[in-house]
Amino acid sequence: MERFVLFGTYCKNAISKRVPFRDEHLSRLSKLKDQGILITLGPTKCNKYVFGVFEASNIDDVKKLLEDDVYWKEQIWTSLDIYPWIQAF
């Protein structure tokens, strides 16, 4: 298993636009965390960017996980950049 880091962006007014989808999103993230796939994920304080760390077999698995999320499908997230990550500490 490898680790991957996500850098992404939110749409304008994401706080209000995410409301109808938030419970579904958080429930799914909780399951991914329980499975050991999701290490951490959340917005920056300014709510413009999303940051996450995942553990998976390959980058395509992470990409699919993110594209299956309701925030991507409903365009709450507007970009997703995924990179292999080496955790130094």
Protein backbone atom coordinates (compact mmCIF):
# COMPACT_ATOMS: atom_id res chain seq x y z
CA MET A 1 0.00 0.00 0.00
CA GLU A 2 1.10 3.52 -0.78
CA ARG A 3 0.09 6.91 0.54
CA PHE A 4 -1.34 9.64 -1.65
CA VAL A 5 -2.01 13.28 -0.95
CA LEU A 6 -4.95 15.23 -2.35
CA PHE A 7 -4.95 18.95 -3.05
CA GLY A 8 -8.25 20.25 -4.41
CA THR A 9 -10.50 23.26 -4.59
CA TYR A 10 -14.04 24.04 -3.52
CA CYS A 11 -16.65 25.93 -5.50
CA LYS A 12 -17.72 29.41 -4.47
CA ASN A 13 -20.21 29.36 -1.60
CA ALA A 14 -19.28 25.74 -0.83
CA ILE A 15 -20.47 26.04 2.78
CA SER A 16 -24.06 26.64 1.72
CA LYS A 17 -23.98 24.50 -1.44
CA ARG A 18 -22.76 21.40 0.41
CA VAL A 19 -25.61 21.35 2.94
CA PRO A 20 -27.91 18.90 1.09
CA PHE A 21 -25.00 16.49 0.52
CA ARG A 22 -23.00 16.79 3.74
CA ASP A 23 -24.45 13.81 5.63
CA GLU A 24 -23.89 11.47 2.68
CA HIS A 25 -20.35 12.81 2.23
CA LEU A 26 -19.39 12.47 5.90
CA SER A 27 -20.92 9.00 6.19
CA ARG A 28 -18.87 7.80 3.24
CA LEU A 29 -15.68 9.36 4.61
CA SER A 30 -16.29 7.65 7.95
CA LYS A 31 -16.50 4.27 6.21
CA LEU A 32 -13.29 4.95 4.26
CA LYS A 33 -11.56 5.91 7.51
CA ASP A 34 -12.78 2.74 9.22
CA GLN A 35 -11.38 0.71 6.29
CA GLY A 36 -7.98 2.39 6.68
CA ILE A 37 -8.15 4.00 3.23
CA LEU A 38 -8.68 7.57 4.41
CA ILE A 39 -6.05 8.92 6.77
CA THR A 40 -7.35 12.50 6.94
CA LEU A 41 -9.39 14.92 4.84
CA GLY A 42 -10.77 18.39 5.31
CA PRO A 43 -10.97 21.98 4.14
CA THR A 44 -8.46 24.70 4.73
CA LYS A 45 -9.64 27.35 7.17
CA CYS A 46 -10.56 29.70 4.31
CA ASN A 47 -12.76 26.96 2.77
CA LYS A 48 -11.17 27.37 -0.66
CA TYR A 49 -9.13 24.16 -0.66
CA VAL A 50 -9.49 20.54 0.36
CA PHE A 51 -6.54 18.47 1.59
CA GLY A 52 -6.46 14.74 2.16
CA VAL A 53 -4.21 11.75 2.70
CA PHE A 54 -5.17 8.28 1.51
CA GLU A 55 -3.64 4.83 1.65
CA ALA A 56 -4.31 2.68 -1.41
CA SER A 57 -2.76 0.30 -3.92
CA ASN A 58 -2.47 2.90 -6.66
CA ILE A 59 -3.37 6.43 -7.71
CA ASP A 60 -6.24 5.26 -9.91
CA ASP A 61 -8.00 3.76 -6.87
CA VAL A 62 -7.78 7.11 -5.06
CA LYS A 63 -8.99 8.98 -8.13
CA LYS A 64 -12.02 6.68 -8.40
CA LEU A 65 -12.81 7.06 -4.69
CA LEU A 66 -12.78 10.83 -5.03
CA GLU A 67 -14.77 10.92 -8.26
CA ASP A 68 -17.42 8.68 -6.65
CA ASP A 69 -17.90 11.19 -3.81
CA VAL A 70 -21.06 13.29 -3.85
CA TYR A 71 -18.99 16.47 -3.44
CA TRP A 72 -17.32 15.79 -6.79
CA LYS A 73 -20.53 14.68 -8.48
CA GLU A 74 -22.36 17.82 -7.29
CA GLN A 75 -19.40 20.10 -8.12
CA ILE A 76 -18.71 21.14 -4.54
CA TRP A 77 -15.13 20.09 -5.27
CA THR A 78 -13.98 21.74 -8.49
CA SER A 79 -10.51 20.24 -8.90
CA LEU A 80 -8.70 17.21 -7.52
CA ASP A 81 -4.92 16.84 -7.79
CA ILE A 82 -3.56 13.57 -6.42
CA TYR A 83 0.12 12.83 -5.86
CA PRO A 84 2.06 9.86 -4.50
CA TRP A 85 3.39 10.90 -1.10
CA ILE A 86 6.37 9.83 0.96
CA GLN A 87 5.75 10.40 4.65
CA ALA A 88 9.09 11.44 6.08
CA PHE A 89 7.97 11.59 9.74
